[in-house]
């Protein structure tokens, strides 16, 4: 088993002001199943990324929002599994929810990669929650759901409403203020600007 470096930490040791809903530690993701390497609903990040994210969480809280983490560090074995999933054209069970307008074989062009920045432990996927009048947290409307592989998910999509665009820009501004760089194809995806492990793809499990 590959060892986890000491400077890759569980986000909960750095901040409690977030909600963690790791999509790949559940069946609620584009593969329709638990993903290899995710054994717990835990968000691991390199400590500089975790500390920067803690600052984002504080700022979000001041504005009445909570960060919901959807994916953080991703073991390399998960990316390997995603590539196998893309290659298996017989399994189209999640097409309507996750790639309604694309052929499955096209998903490795910008959306799913053999090597993901997530495996370097400074990339994360997230959205914003806020409270409704009954006091329950809900995901604000970003004009498309997480891991929707579609042009609608592009950061600057012109097919979304002004409010949806404003919501995306709020998340982007919060993240950029703490040194995270957005990804043009996915409004939820950010990488710390000066990452500690730019060339290392880790494979320890998420536990």
N, C-alpha and C. Protein backbone atom coordinates (compact mmCIF):
# COMPACT_ATOMS: atom_id res chain seq x y z
N UNK A 1 0.85 -1.19 0.00
CA UNK A 1 0.00 0.00 0.00
C UNK A 1 0.89 1.25 0.00
N UNK A 2 0.55 2.17 -0.89
CA UNK A 2 1.33 3.40 -0.98
C UNK A 2 1.08 4.26 0.25
N UNK A 3 2.12 4.82 0.80
CA UNK A 3 1.96 5.66 1.99
C UNK A 3 1.50 7.05 1.63
N UNK A 4 0.70 7.61 2.51
CA UNK A 4 0.24 8.97 2.36
C UNK A 4 1.27 9.91 2.96
N UNK A 5 1.74 10.90 2.20
CA UNK A 5 2.68 11.87 2.77
C UNK A 5 2.05 12.61 3.95
N UNK A 6 2.87 13.01 4.90
CA UNK A 6 2.37 13.68 6.11
C UNK A 6 1.69 15.00 5.80
N UNK A 7 2.06 15.63 4.68
CA UNK A 7 1.46 16.94 4.38
C UNK A 7 0.18 16.84 3.55
N UNK A 8 -0.32 15.62 3.37
CA UNK A 8 -1.67 15.47 2.80
C UNK A 8 -2.58 15.12 3.97
N UNK A 9 -3.53 16.00 4.24
CA UNK A 9 -4.29 15.93 5.49
C UNK A 9 -5.78 15.76 5.24
N UNK A 10 -6.45 15.23 6.26
CA UNK A 10 -7.91 15.16 6.25
C UNK A 10 -8.43 16.58 6.46
N UNK A 11 -9.25 17.06 5.57
CA UNK A 11 -9.73 18.45 5.65
C UNK A 11 -10.38 18.75 7.00
N UNK A 12 -11.01 17.74 7.60
CA UNK A 12 -11.71 17.98 8.87
C UNK A 12 -10.75 18.32 10.01
N UNK A 13 -9.46 18.04 9.83
CA UNK A 13 -8.49 18.44 10.85
C UNK A 13 -8.11 19.92 10.70
N UNK A 14 -8.51 20.53 9.59
CA UNK A 14 -8.15 21.92 9.30
C UNK A 14 -9.35 22.84 9.45
N UNK A 15 -10.53 22.39 9.01
CA UNK A 15 -11.75 23.18 9.16
C UNK A 15 -12.95 22.26 9.35
N UNK A 16 -13.89 22.72 10.17
CA UNK A 16 -15.16 22.00 10.35
C UNK A 16 -16.28 22.74 9.64
N UNK A 17 -15.95 23.84 8.98
CA UNK A 17 -16.98 24.71 8.40
C UNK A 17 -17.33 24.31 6.96
N UNK A 18 -17.35 23.02 6.69
CA UNK A 18 -17.67 22.52 5.35
C UNK A 18 -18.58 21.32 5.48
N UNK A 19 -19.25 20.99 4.39
CA UNK A 19 -19.96 19.72 4.30
C UNK A 19 -19.22 18.85 3.28
N UNK A 20 -19.03 17.58 3.64
CA UNK A 20 -18.29 16.67 2.76
C UNK A 20 -19.26 15.63 2.21
N UNK A 21 -19.40 15.60 0.90
CA UNK A 21 -20.31 14.67 0.22
C UNK A 21 -19.56 14.08 -0.97
N UNK A 22 -18.59 13.22 -0.68
CA UNK A 22 -17.74 12.69 -1.74
C UNK A 22 -18.56 11.78 -2.66
N UNK A 23 -18.74 12.25 -3.89
CA UNK A 23 -19.63 11.55 -4.82
C UNK A 23 -19.17 10.12 -5.11
N UNK A 24 -17.85 9.92 -5.14
CA UNK A 24 -17.34 8.61 -5.57
C UNK A 24 -17.25 7.62 -4.42
N UNK A 25 -17.52 8.08 -3.20
CA UNK A 25 -17.63 7.18 -2.05
C UNK A 25 -19.07 6.71 -1.89
N UNK A 26 -19.92 7.06 -2.84
CA UNK A 26 -21.32 6.63 -2.85
C UNK A 26 -21.63 6.09 -4.25
N UNK A 27 -22.87 5.69 -4.47
CA UNK A 27 -23.27 5.25 -5.82
C UNK A 27 -23.83 6.41 -6.63
N UNK A 28 -23.88 7.57 -6.01
CA UNK A 28 -24.48 8.74 -6.63
C UNK A 28 -23.44 9.49 -7.46
N UNK A 29 -22.99 8.85 -8.55
CA UNK A 29 -21.99 9.46 -9.42
C UNK A 29 -22.15 8.91 -10.83
N UNK A 30 -21.35 9.40 -11.75
CA UNK A 30 -21.56 9.07 -13.17
C UNK A 30 -21.32 7.61 -13.51
N UNK A 31 -20.63 6.85 -12.64
CA UNK A 31 -20.46 5.41 -12.91
C UNK A 31 -21.64 4.60 -12.38
N UNK A 32 -22.41 5.19 -11.47
CA UNK A 32 -23.54 4.49 -10.87
C UNK A 32 -23.14 3.53 -9.77
N UNK A 33 -21.86 3.54 -9.38
CA UNK A 33 -21.37 2.61 -8.36
C UNK A 33 -20.31 3.27 -7.49
N UNK A 34 -20.00 2.61 -6.37
CA UNK A 34 -18.85 3.02 -5.57
C UNK A 34 -17.61 2.93 -6.45
N UNK A 35 -16.69 3.85 -6.24
CA UNK A 35 -15.48 3.91 -7.07
C UNK A 35 -14.29 3.35 -6.28
N UNK A 36 -13.46 2.48 -6.90
CA UNK A 36 -12.30 1.92 -6.21
C UNK A 36 -11.40 3.01 -5.62
N UNK A 37 -10.94 2.79 -4.40
CA UNK A 37 -10.05 3.74 -3.74
C UNK A 37 -10.75 4.67 -2.77
N UNK A 38 -12.08 4.72 -2.86
CA UNK A 38 -12.86 5.56 -1.94
C UNK A 38 -13.52 4.67 -0.91
N UNK A 39 -12.92 4.59 0.29
CA UNK A 39 -13.46 3.73 1.33
C UNK A 39 -14.19 4.50 2.41
N UNK A 40 -14.22 5.83 2.28
CA UNK A 40 -14.90 6.65 3.28
C UNK A 40 -15.25 8.00 2.67
N UNK A 41 -16.19 8.68 3.32
CA UNK A 41 -16.60 10.01 2.89
C UNK A 41 -15.63 11.03 3.49
N UNK A 42 -14.39 11.00 3.01
CA UNK A 42 -13.32 11.86 3.55
C UNK A 42 -12.68 12.67 2.44
N UNK A 43 -12.36 13.92 2.78
CA UNK A 43 -11.70 14.82 1.83
C UNK A 43 -10.26 15.01 2.27
N UNK A 44 -9.32 14.47 1.51
CA UNK A 44 -7.89 14.68 1.76
C UNK A 44 -7.37 15.72 0.78
N UNK A 45 -6.54 16.64 1.30
CA UNK A 45 -5.90 17.64 0.46
C UNK A 45 -4.51 17.92 1.00
N UNK A 46 -3.61 18.33 0.11
CA UNK A 46 -2.30 18.81 0.55
C UNK A 46 -2.55 20.02 1.47
N UNK A 47 -1.75 20.16 2.51
CA UNK A 47 -2.11 21.08 3.59
C UNK A 47 -2.26 22.53 3.14
N UNK A 48 -1.47 22.98 2.17
CA UNK A 48 -1.63 24.35 1.68
C UNK A 48 -3.00 24.54 1.03
N UNK A 49 -3.43 23.53 0.27
CA UNK A 49 -4.76 23.59 -0.34
C UNK A 49 -5.84 23.55 0.73
N UNK A 50 -5.65 22.69 1.74
CA UNK A 50 -6.63 22.59 2.82
C UNK A 50 -6.74 23.90 3.58
N UNK A 51 -5.60 24.54 3.85
CA UNK A 51 -5.62 25.80 4.61
C UNK A 51 -6.24 26.93 3.78
N UNK A 52 -5.95 26.95 2.49
CA UNK A 52 -6.57 27.95 1.62
C UNK A 52 -8.08 27.73 1.57
N UNK A 53 -8.48 26.46 1.49
CA UNK A 53 -9.91 26.15 1.44
C UNK A 53 -10.61 26.54 2.74
N UNK A 54 -9.93 26.39 3.87
CA UNK A 54 -10.50 26.79 5.16
C UNK A 54 -10.81 28.29 5.15
N UNK A 55 -9.96 29.09 4.48
CA UNK A 55 -10.21 30.53 4.37
C UNK A 55 -11.42 30.80 3.48
N UNK A 56 -11.54 30.02 2.40
CA UNK A 56 -12.73 30.15 1.54
C UNK A 56 -13.98 29.86 2.36
N UNK A 57 -13.92 28.80 3.19
CA UNK A 57 -15.08 28.40 3.99
C UNK A 57 -15.50 29.51 4.95
N UNK A 58 -14.52 30.18 5.55
CA UNK A 58 -14.82 31.29 6.46
C UNK A 58 -15.52 32.43 5.73
N UNK A 59 -14.99 32.77 4.56
CA UNK A 59 -15.57 33.86 3.77
C UNK A 59 -16.97 33.49 3.30
N UNK A 60 -17.16 32.23 2.88
CA UNK A 60 -18.48 31.77 2.45
C UNK A 60 -19.47 31.88 3.60
N UNK A 61 -19.01 31.49 4.80
CA UNK A 61 -19.88 31.54 5.98
C UNK A 61 -20.34 32.98 6.25
N UNK A 62 -19.44 33.92 6.10
CA UNK A 62 -19.80 35.33 6.31
C UNK A 62 -20.91 35.77 5.37
N UNK A 63 -20.95 35.16 4.20
CA UNK A 63 -21.96 35.53 3.19
C UNK A 63 -23.21 34.66 3.28
N UNK A 64 -23.23 33.73 4.24
CA UNK A 64 -24.42 32.89 4.42
C UNK A 64 -24.40 31.57 3.67
N UNK A 65 -23.22 31.15 3.23
CA UNK A 65 -23.10 29.91 2.47
C UNK A 65 -22.21 28.90 3.20
N UNK A 66 -22.32 27.65 2.77
CA UNK A 66 -21.39 26.61 3.23
C UNK A 66 -20.83 25.91 2.00
N UNK A 67 -19.54 25.59 2.03
CA UNK A 67 -18.94 24.82 0.94
C UNK A 67 -19.36 23.36 1.06
N UNK A 68 -19.75 22.77 -0.04
CA UNK A 68 -20.00 21.32 -0.09
C UNK A 68 -18.94 20.70 -1.00
N UNK A 69 -18.06 19.88 -0.40
CA UNK A 69 -16.99 19.22 -1.14
C UNK A 69 -17.53 17.97 -1.80
N UNK A 70 -17.30 17.84 -3.11
CA UNK A 70 -17.82 16.71 -3.89
C UNK A 70 -16.73 15.73 -4.29
N UNK A 71 -15.51 16.22 -4.45
CA UNK A 71 -14.34 15.35 -4.64
C UNK A 71 -13.10 16.15 -4.27
N UNK A 72 -12.14 15.49 -3.65
CA UNK A 72 -10.90 16.15 -3.24
C UNK A 72 -9.75 15.33 -3.83
N UNK A 73 -8.86 14.84 -2.96
CA UNK A 73 -7.82 13.92 -3.46
C UNK A 73 -8.50 12.68 -4.04
N UNK A 74 -8.01 12.23 -5.19
CA UNK A 74 -8.56 11.05 -5.89
C UNK A 74 -7.44 10.05 -6.14
N UNK A 75 -7.55 8.84 -5.58
CA UNK A 75 -6.51 7.83 -5.86
C UNK A 75 -6.39 7.55 -7.36
N UNK A 76 -5.17 7.26 -7.81
CA UNK A 76 -4.94 6.97 -9.22
C UNK A 76 -5.80 5.80 -9.69
N UNK A 77 -6.02 4.83 -8.80
CA UNK A 77 -6.83 3.65 -9.21
C UNK A 77 -8.25 4.05 -9.61
N UNK A 78 -8.74 5.16 -9.04
CA UNK A 78 -10.08 5.64 -9.43
C UNK A 78 -10.06 6.15 -10.86
N UNK A 79 -9.02 6.90 -11.23
CA UNK A 79 -8.91 7.38 -12.61
C UNK A 79 -8.78 6.21 -13.59
N UNK A 80 -8.02 5.17 -13.18
CA UNK A 80 -7.91 3.97 -14.02
C UNK A 80 -9.29 3.37 -14.24
N UNK A 81 -10.07 3.31 -13.16
CA UNK A 81 -11.42 2.75 -13.22
C UNK A 81 -12.31 3.60 -14.14
N UNK A 82 -12.17 4.92 -14.08
CA UNK A 82 -12.97 5.80 -14.95
C UNK A 82 -12.65 5.54 -16.42
N UNK A 83 -11.38 5.31 -16.72
CA UNK A 83 -11.02 5.05 -18.11
C UNK A 83 -11.62 3.73 -18.60
N UNK A 84 -11.64 2.73 -17.72
CA UNK A 84 -12.28 1.46 -18.08
C UNK A 84 -13.78 1.67 -18.30
N UNK A 85 -14.37 2.49 -17.45
CA UNK A 85 -15.81 2.77 -17.57
C UNK A 85 -16.11 3.47 -18.90
N UNK A 86 -15.29 4.44 -19.28
CA UNK A 86 -15.49 5.14 -20.56
C UNK A 86 -15.40 4.17 -21.73
N UNK A 87 -14.47 3.22 -21.61
CA UNK A 87 -14.25 2.26 -22.71
C UNK A 87 -15.35 1.22 -22.83
N UNK A 88 -16.15 1.05 -21.77
CA UNK A 88 -17.21 0.03 -21.76
C UNK A 88 -18.50 0.62 -22.32
N UNK A 89 -18.66 0.51 -23.63
CA UNK A 89 -19.81 1.14 -24.27
C UNK A 89 -21.12 0.44 -23.97
N UNK A 90 -21.06 -0.76 -23.39
CA UNK A 90 -22.29 -1.50 -23.10
C UNK A 90 -23.02 -0.90 -21.89
N UNK A 91 -22.27 -0.18 -21.04
CA UNK A 91 -22.89 0.41 -19.84
C UNK A 91 -23.24 1.87 -20.11
N UNK A 92 -24.53 2.11 -20.35
CA UNK A 92 -25.01 3.47 -20.61
C UNK A 92 -26.03 3.89 -19.54
N UNK A 93 -25.95 3.26 -18.37
CA UNK A 93 -27.01 3.41 -17.37
C UNK A 93 -27.15 4.83 -16.83
N UNK A 94 -26.08 5.61 -16.88
CA UNK A 94 -26.15 6.96 -16.31
C UNK A 94 -26.19 8.05 -17.38
N UNK A 95 -26.37 7.65 -18.64
CA UNK A 95 -26.29 8.63 -19.74
C UNK A 95 -27.25 9.80 -19.55
N UNK A 96 -28.52 9.50 -19.25
CA UNK A 96 -29.51 10.58 -19.18
C UNK A 96 -29.16 11.62 -18.13
N UNK A 97 -28.58 11.17 -17.03
CA UNK A 97 -28.27 12.09 -15.93
C UNK A 97 -26.96 12.83 -16.13
N UNK A 98 -25.96 12.18 -16.76
CA UNK A 98 -24.61 12.73 -16.74
C UNK A 98 -24.04 13.12 -18.10
N UNK A 99 -24.49 12.48 -19.18
CA UNK A 99 -23.94 12.88 -20.50
C UNK A 99 -25.01 12.74 -21.58
N UNK A 100 -26.15 13.43 -21.40
CA UNK A 100 -27.29 13.26 -22.32
C UNK A 100 -26.98 13.63 -23.76
N UNK A 101 -26.06 14.58 -23.96
CA UNK A 101 -25.82 15.08 -25.32
C UNK A 101 -24.49 14.67 -25.92
N UNK A 102 -23.74 13.83 -25.20
CA UNK A 102 -22.43 13.41 -25.71
C UNK A 102 -22.39 11.89 -25.85
N UNK A 103 -21.61 11.44 -26.82
CA UNK A 103 -21.33 10.02 -26.91
C UNK A 103 -20.36 9.64 -25.79
N UNK A 104 -20.60 8.51 -25.16
CA UNK A 104 -19.74 8.13 -24.04
C UNK A 104 -18.26 8.13 -24.41
N UNK A 105 -17.96 7.72 -25.62
CA UNK A 105 -16.56 7.62 -26.05
C UNK A 105 -15.87 8.99 -26.13
N UNK A 106 -16.66 10.07 -26.10
CA UNK A 106 -16.08 11.42 -26.19
C UNK A 106 -15.76 12.01 -24.81
N UNK A 107 -16.10 11.29 -23.75
CA UNK A 107 -15.95 11.87 -22.42
C UNK A 107 -14.50 12.03 -21.99
N UNK A 108 -13.58 11.30 -22.66
CA UNK A 108 -12.17 11.45 -22.29
C UNK A 108 -11.53 12.64 -23.00
N UNK A 109 -12.35 13.49 -23.62
CA UNK A 109 -11.83 14.71 -24.26
C UNK A 109 -12.17 15.92 -23.38
N UNK A 110 -11.49 16.02 -22.26
CA UNK A 110 -11.66 17.19 -21.40
C UNK A 110 -12.37 16.94 -20.10
N UNK A 111 -13.14 15.85 -20.03
CA UNK A 111 -13.91 15.60 -18.80
C UNK A 111 -13.28 14.52 -17.93
N UNK A 112 -12.90 13.41 -18.52
CA UNK A 112 -12.34 12.29 -17.75
C UNK A 112 -10.95 11.99 -18.30
N UNK A 113 -9.96 12.00 -17.40
CA UNK A 113 -8.57 11.86 -17.84
C UNK A 113 -7.91 10.65 -17.21
N UNK A 114 -6.94 10.07 -17.93
CA UNK A 114 -6.18 8.94 -17.40
C UNK A 114 -5.41 9.34 -16.16
N UNK A 115 -4.97 10.59 -16.13
CA UNK A 115 -4.30 11.14 -14.95
C UNK A 115 -5.00 12.45 -14.59
N UNK A 116 -5.55 12.49 -13.39
CA UNK A 116 -6.31 13.66 -12.97
C UNK A 116 -5.51 14.50 -11.99
N UNK A 117 -5.67 15.83 -12.09
CA UNK A 117 -5.08 16.72 -11.11
C UNK A 117 -5.51 16.39 -9.70
N UNK A 118 -6.67 15.77 -9.57
CA UNK A 118 -7.15 15.39 -8.23
C UNK A 118 -6.16 14.46 -7.52
N UNK A 119 -5.44 13.65 -8.27
CA UNK A 119 -4.50 12.69 -7.66
C UNK A 119 -3.24 13.37 -7.14
N UNK A 120 -3.08 14.66 -7.43
CA UNK A 120 -1.95 15.43 -6.92
C UNK A 120 -2.30 16.12 -5.60
N UNK A 121 -3.55 15.98 -5.17
CA UNK A 121 -4.05 16.40 -3.85
C UNK A 121 -4.18 17.91 -3.66
N UNK A 122 -4.19 18.68 -4.77
CA UNK A 122 -4.43 20.13 -4.64
C UNK A 122 -5.58 20.59 -5.53
N UNK A 123 -6.34 19.63 -6.06
CA UNK A 123 -7.51 19.92 -6.90
C UNK A 123 -8.75 19.41 -6.18
N UNK A 124 -9.82 20.18 -6.28
CA UNK A 124 -11.06 19.75 -5.64
C UNK A 124 -12.26 20.20 -6.45
N UNK A 125 -13.38 19.52 -6.20
CA UNK A 125 -14.67 19.85 -6.80
C UNK A 125 -15.60 20.25 -5.67
N UNK A 126 -16.34 21.35 -5.89
CA UNK A 126 -17.24 21.78 -4.82
C UNK A 126 -18.36 22.63 -5.36
N UNK A 127 -19.36 22.84 -4.50
CA UNK A 127 -20.44 23.77 -4.80
C UNK A 127 -20.78 24.51 -3.51
N UNK A 128 -21.78 25.38 -3.59
CA UNK A 128 -22.19 26.17 -2.44
C UNK A 128 -23.58 25.77 -1.98
N UNK A 129 -23.75 25.69 -0.67
CA UNK A 129 -25.06 25.45 -0.07
C UNK A 129 -25.51 26.71 0.64
N UNK A 130 -26.82 26.89 0.71
CA UNK A 130 -27.34 27.92 1.61
C UNK A 130 -28.63 27.42 2.24
N UNK A 131 -29.14 28.12 3.24
CA UNK A 131 -30.31 27.64 3.96
C UNK A 131 -31.59 28.15 3.33
N UNK A 132 -32.58 27.27 3.25
CA UNK A 132 -33.90 27.72 2.81
C UNK A 132 -34.66 28.28 4.02
N UNK A 133 -35.90 28.70 3.80
CA UNK A 133 -36.66 29.35 4.87
C UNK A 133 -36.93 28.38 6.03
N UNK A 134 -36.91 27.08 5.75
CA UNK A 134 -37.12 26.10 6.82
C UNK A 134 -35.81 25.76 7.55
N UNK A 135 -34.72 26.41 7.13
CA UNK A 135 -33.46 26.18 7.82
C UNK A 135 -32.68 24.97 7.35
N UNK A 136 -33.05 24.41 6.19
CA UNK A 136 -32.31 23.26 5.65
C UNK A 136 -31.34 23.73 4.58
N UNK A 137 -30.16 23.10 4.56
CA UNK A 137 -29.16 23.45 3.56
C UNK A 137 -29.53 22.85 2.20
N UNK A 138 -29.38 23.61 1.16
CA UNK A 138 -29.64 23.10 -0.19
C UNK A 138 -28.56 23.64 -1.13
N UNK A 139 -28.34 22.94 -2.25
CA UNK A 139 -27.37 23.37 -3.26
C UNK A 139 -27.95 24.53 -4.05
N UNK A 140 -27.21 25.62 -4.15
CA UNK A 140 -27.72 26.73 -4.96
C UNK A 140 -27.68 26.33 -6.44
N UNK A 141 -28.49 27.00 -7.23
CA UNK A 141 -28.68 26.63 -8.64
C UNK A 141 -27.51 27.11 -9.49
N UNK A 142 -26.69 26.16 -9.93
CA UNK A 142 -25.53 26.50 -10.76
C UNK A 142 -25.81 26.29 -12.24
N UNK A 143 -27.06 25.99 -12.59
CA UNK A 143 -27.39 25.81 -14.00
C UNK A 143 -26.85 24.51 -14.57
N UNK A 144 -26.83 23.48 -13.75
CA UNK A 144 -26.31 22.17 -14.17
C UNK A 144 -25.71 21.49 -12.96
N UNK A 145 -25.90 20.18 -12.87
CA UNK A 145 -25.47 19.43 -11.70
C UNK A 145 -24.01 19.02 -11.81
N UNK A 146 -23.48 18.55 -10.69
CA UNK A 146 -22.08 18.10 -10.62
C UNK A 146 -21.83 16.95 -11.59
N UNK A 147 -20.71 16.98 -12.28
CA UNK A 147 -20.30 15.94 -13.23
C UNK A 147 -21.27 15.79 -14.40
N UNK A 148 -22.02 16.85 -14.71
CA UNK A 148 -22.79 16.85 -15.95
C UNK A 148 -21.79 17.14 -17.07
N UNK A 149 -21.51 16.11 -17.87
CA UNK A 149 -20.52 16.25 -18.95
C UNK A 149 -21.22 16.86 -20.16
N UNK A 150 -21.18 18.18 -20.22
CA UNK A 150 -21.98 18.89 -21.20
C UNK A 150 -21.46 20.33 -21.29
N UNK A 151 -21.72 20.96 -22.42
CA UNK A 151 -21.28 22.36 -22.58
C UNK A 151 -21.97 23.26 -21.55
N UNK A 152 -23.11 22.84 -21.03
CA UNK A 152 -23.80 23.59 -19.98
C UNK A 152 -22.92 23.77 -18.75
N UNK A 153 -21.99 22.82 -18.53
CA UNK A 153 -21.11 22.88 -17.35
C UNK A 153 -19.91 23.80 -17.56
N UNK A 154 -19.67 24.23 -18.79
CA UNK A 154 -18.54 25.12 -19.05
C UNK A 154 -18.73 26.39 -18.24
N UNK A 155 -17.66 26.84 -17.60
CA UNK A 155 -17.72 27.96 -16.68
C UNK A 155 -18.48 29.14 -17.26
N UNK A 156 -18.21 29.45 -18.54
CA UNK A 156 -18.82 30.62 -19.17
C UNK A 156 -19.94 30.26 -20.14
N UNK A 157 -20.65 29.18 -19.84
CA UNK A 157 -21.78 28.78 -20.68
C UNK A 157 -22.74 29.95 -20.87
N UNK A 158 -23.22 30.09 -22.12
CA UNK A 158 -24.20 31.16 -22.39
C UNK A 158 -25.63 30.62 -22.32
N UNK A 159 -25.78 29.34 -21.95
CA UNK A 159 -27.12 28.73 -21.91
C UNK A 159 -27.74 28.77 -20.52
N UNK A 160 -27.14 29.53 -19.60
CA UNK A 160 -27.67 29.57 -18.24
C UNK A 160 -28.24 30.94 -17.93
N UNK A 161 -29.06 31.01 -16.89
CA UNK A 161 -29.71 32.27 -16.53
C UNK A 161 -28.71 33.21 -15.85
N UNK A 162 -29.11 34.46 -15.73
CA UNK A 162 -28.25 35.46 -15.08
C UNK A 162 -27.99 35.05 -13.62
N UNK A 163 -29.00 34.51 -12.94
CA UNK A 163 -28.81 34.11 -11.54
C UNK A 163 -27.84 32.93 -11.44
N UNK A 164 -28.00 31.96 -12.34
CA UNK A 164 -27.08 30.80 -12.34
C UNK A 164 -25.65 31.27 -12.61
N UNK A 165 -25.51 32.20 -13.52
CA UNK A 165 -24.18 32.73 -13.83
C UNK A 165 -23.60 33.46 -12.61
N UNK A 166 -24.44 34.23 -11.93
CA UNK A 166 -24.00 34.94 -10.73
C UNK A 166 -23.55 33.96 -9.65
N UNK A 167 -24.27 32.85 -9.52
CA UNK A 167 -23.91 31.84 -8.52
C UNK A 167 -22.55 31.22 -8.84
N UNK A 168 -22.32 30.93 -10.11
CA UNK A 168 -21.02 30.38 -10.52
C UNK A 168 -19.89 31.37 -10.25
N UNK A 169 -20.17 32.63 -10.56
CA UNK A 169 -19.14 33.66 -10.37
C UNK A 169 -18.83 33.86 -8.89
N UNK A 170 -19.85 33.72 -8.03
CA UNK A 170 -19.62 33.84 -6.59
C UNK A 170 -18.63 32.76 -6.13
N UNK A 171 -18.88 31.52 -6.54
CA UNK A 171 -17.98 30.42 -6.17
C UNK A 171 -16.58 30.68 -6.73
N UNK A 172 -16.52 31.08 -7.99
CA UNK A 172 -15.23 31.35 -8.64
C UNK A 172 -14.47 32.45 -7.91
N UNK A 173 -15.16 33.53 -7.55
CA UNK A 173 -14.50 34.65 -6.86
C UNK A 173 -13.99 34.22 -5.49
N UNK A 174 -14.82 33.49 -4.74
CA UNK A 174 -14.40 33.01 -3.42
C UNK A 174 -13.12 32.18 -3.52
N UNK A 175 -13.09 31.30 -4.52
CA UNK A 175 -11.95 30.41 -4.69
C UNK A 175 -10.72 31.17 -5.18
N UNK A 176 -10.90 32.04 -6.16
CA UNK A 176 -9.76 32.77 -6.72
C UNK A 176 -9.11 33.68 -5.68
N UNK A 177 -9.91 34.22 -4.75
CA UNK A 177 -9.35 35.10 -3.72
C UNK A 177 -8.32 34.36 -2.86
N UNK A 178 -8.42 33.03 -2.78
CA UNK A 178 -7.49 32.25 -1.96
C UNK A 178 -6.50 31.45 -2.81
N UNK A 179 -6.37 31.82 -4.09
CA UNK A 179 -5.32 31.24 -4.92
C UNK A 179 -5.70 30.00 -5.71
N UNK A 180 -7.00 29.71 -5.80
CA UNK A 180 -7.43 28.57 -6.62
C UNK A 180 -7.74 29.02 -8.04
N UNK A 181 -7.39 28.18 -8.99
CA UNK A 181 -7.58 28.48 -10.41
C UNK A 181 -8.76 27.66 -10.93
N UNK A 182 -9.73 28.31 -11.59
CA UNK A 182 -10.88 27.57 -12.12
C UNK A 182 -10.52 26.79 -13.38
N UNK A 183 -11.42 25.88 -13.76
CA UNK A 183 -11.25 25.05 -14.97
C UNK A 183 -12.39 25.39 -15.92
N UNK A 184 -12.04 25.79 -17.14
CA UNK A 184 -13.04 26.33 -18.06
C UNK A 184 -14.20 25.37 -18.37
N UNK A 185 -13.92 24.04 -18.36
CA UNK A 185 -14.96 23.09 -18.79
C UNK A 185 -15.90 22.68 -17.65
N UNK A 186 -15.50 22.93 -16.40
CA UNK A 186 -16.30 22.45 -15.27
C UNK A 186 -16.36 23.53 -14.18
N UNK A 187 -17.54 24.08 -13.97
CA UNK A 187 -17.67 25.20 -13.02
C UNK A 187 -17.31 24.80 -11.59
N UNK A 188 -17.31 23.50 -11.27
CA UNK A 188 -17.08 23.03 -9.89
C UNK A 188 -15.61 22.73 -9.57
N UNK A 189 -14.73 22.79 -10.55
CA UNK A 189 -13.37 22.23 -10.46
C UNK A 189 -12.32 23.33 -10.29
N UNK A 190 -11.50 23.23 -9.25
CA UNK A 190 -10.47 24.24 -8.96
C UNK A 190 -9.17 23.57 -8.53
N UNK A 191 -8.06 24.21 -8.87
CA UNK A 191 -6.73 23.71 -8.49
C UNK A 191 -5.95 24.84 -7.82
N UNK A 192 -5.29 24.52 -6.71
CA UNK A 192 -4.47 25.53 -6.05
C UNK A 192 -3.36 25.97 -7.00
N UNK A 193 -3.16 27.28 -7.11
CA UNK A 193 -2.25 27.85 -8.12
C UNK A 193 -0.83 27.28 -8.01
N UNK A 194 -0.28 27.25 -6.82
CA UNK A 194 1.12 26.84 -6.69
C UNK A 194 1.17 25.50 -5.98
N UNK A 195 0.75 24.43 -6.66
CA UNK A 195 0.58 23.16 -5.95
C UNK A 195 1.91 22.51 -5.58
N UNK A 196 1.88 21.78 -4.48
CA UNK A 196 3.10 21.18 -3.92
C UNK A 196 3.59 19.99 -4.74
N UNK A 197 2.65 19.22 -5.31
CA UNK A 197 3.02 17.99 -6.04
C UNK A 197 2.54 18.08 -7.50
N UNK A 198 3.17 18.95 -8.31
CA UNK A 198 2.66 19.15 -9.67
C UNK A 198 2.79 17.94 -10.57
N UNK A 199 3.68 17.00 -10.21
CA UNK A 199 3.94 15.86 -11.11
C UNK A 199 3.71 14.50 -10.46
N UNK A 200 3.09 14.46 -9.28
CA UNK A 200 2.93 13.19 -8.56
C UNK A 200 1.47 12.79 -8.53
N UNK A 201 1.20 11.55 -8.91
CA UNK A 201 -0.17 11.03 -8.90
C UNK A 201 -0.24 9.94 -7.84
N UNK A 202 -0.79 10.30 -6.68
CA UNK A 202 -0.80 9.38 -5.54
C UNK A 202 -1.89 8.32 -5.69
N UNK A 203 -1.72 7.23 -4.97
CA UNK A 203 -2.70 6.14 -5.07
C UNK A 203 -3.08 5.54 -3.72
N UNK A 204 -2.80 6.23 -2.61
CA UNK A 204 -3.29 5.72 -1.32
C UNK A 204 -4.82 5.86 -1.27
N UNK A 205 -5.46 4.98 -0.52
CA UNK A 205 -6.92 4.99 -0.49
C UNK A 205 -7.46 6.15 0.37
N UNK A 206 -8.68 6.54 0.08
CA UNK A 206 -9.39 7.52 0.89
C UNK A 206 -10.10 6.75 1.99
N UNK A 207 -9.68 6.95 3.24
CA UNK A 207 -10.29 6.21 4.35
C UNK A 207 -10.61 7.14 5.52
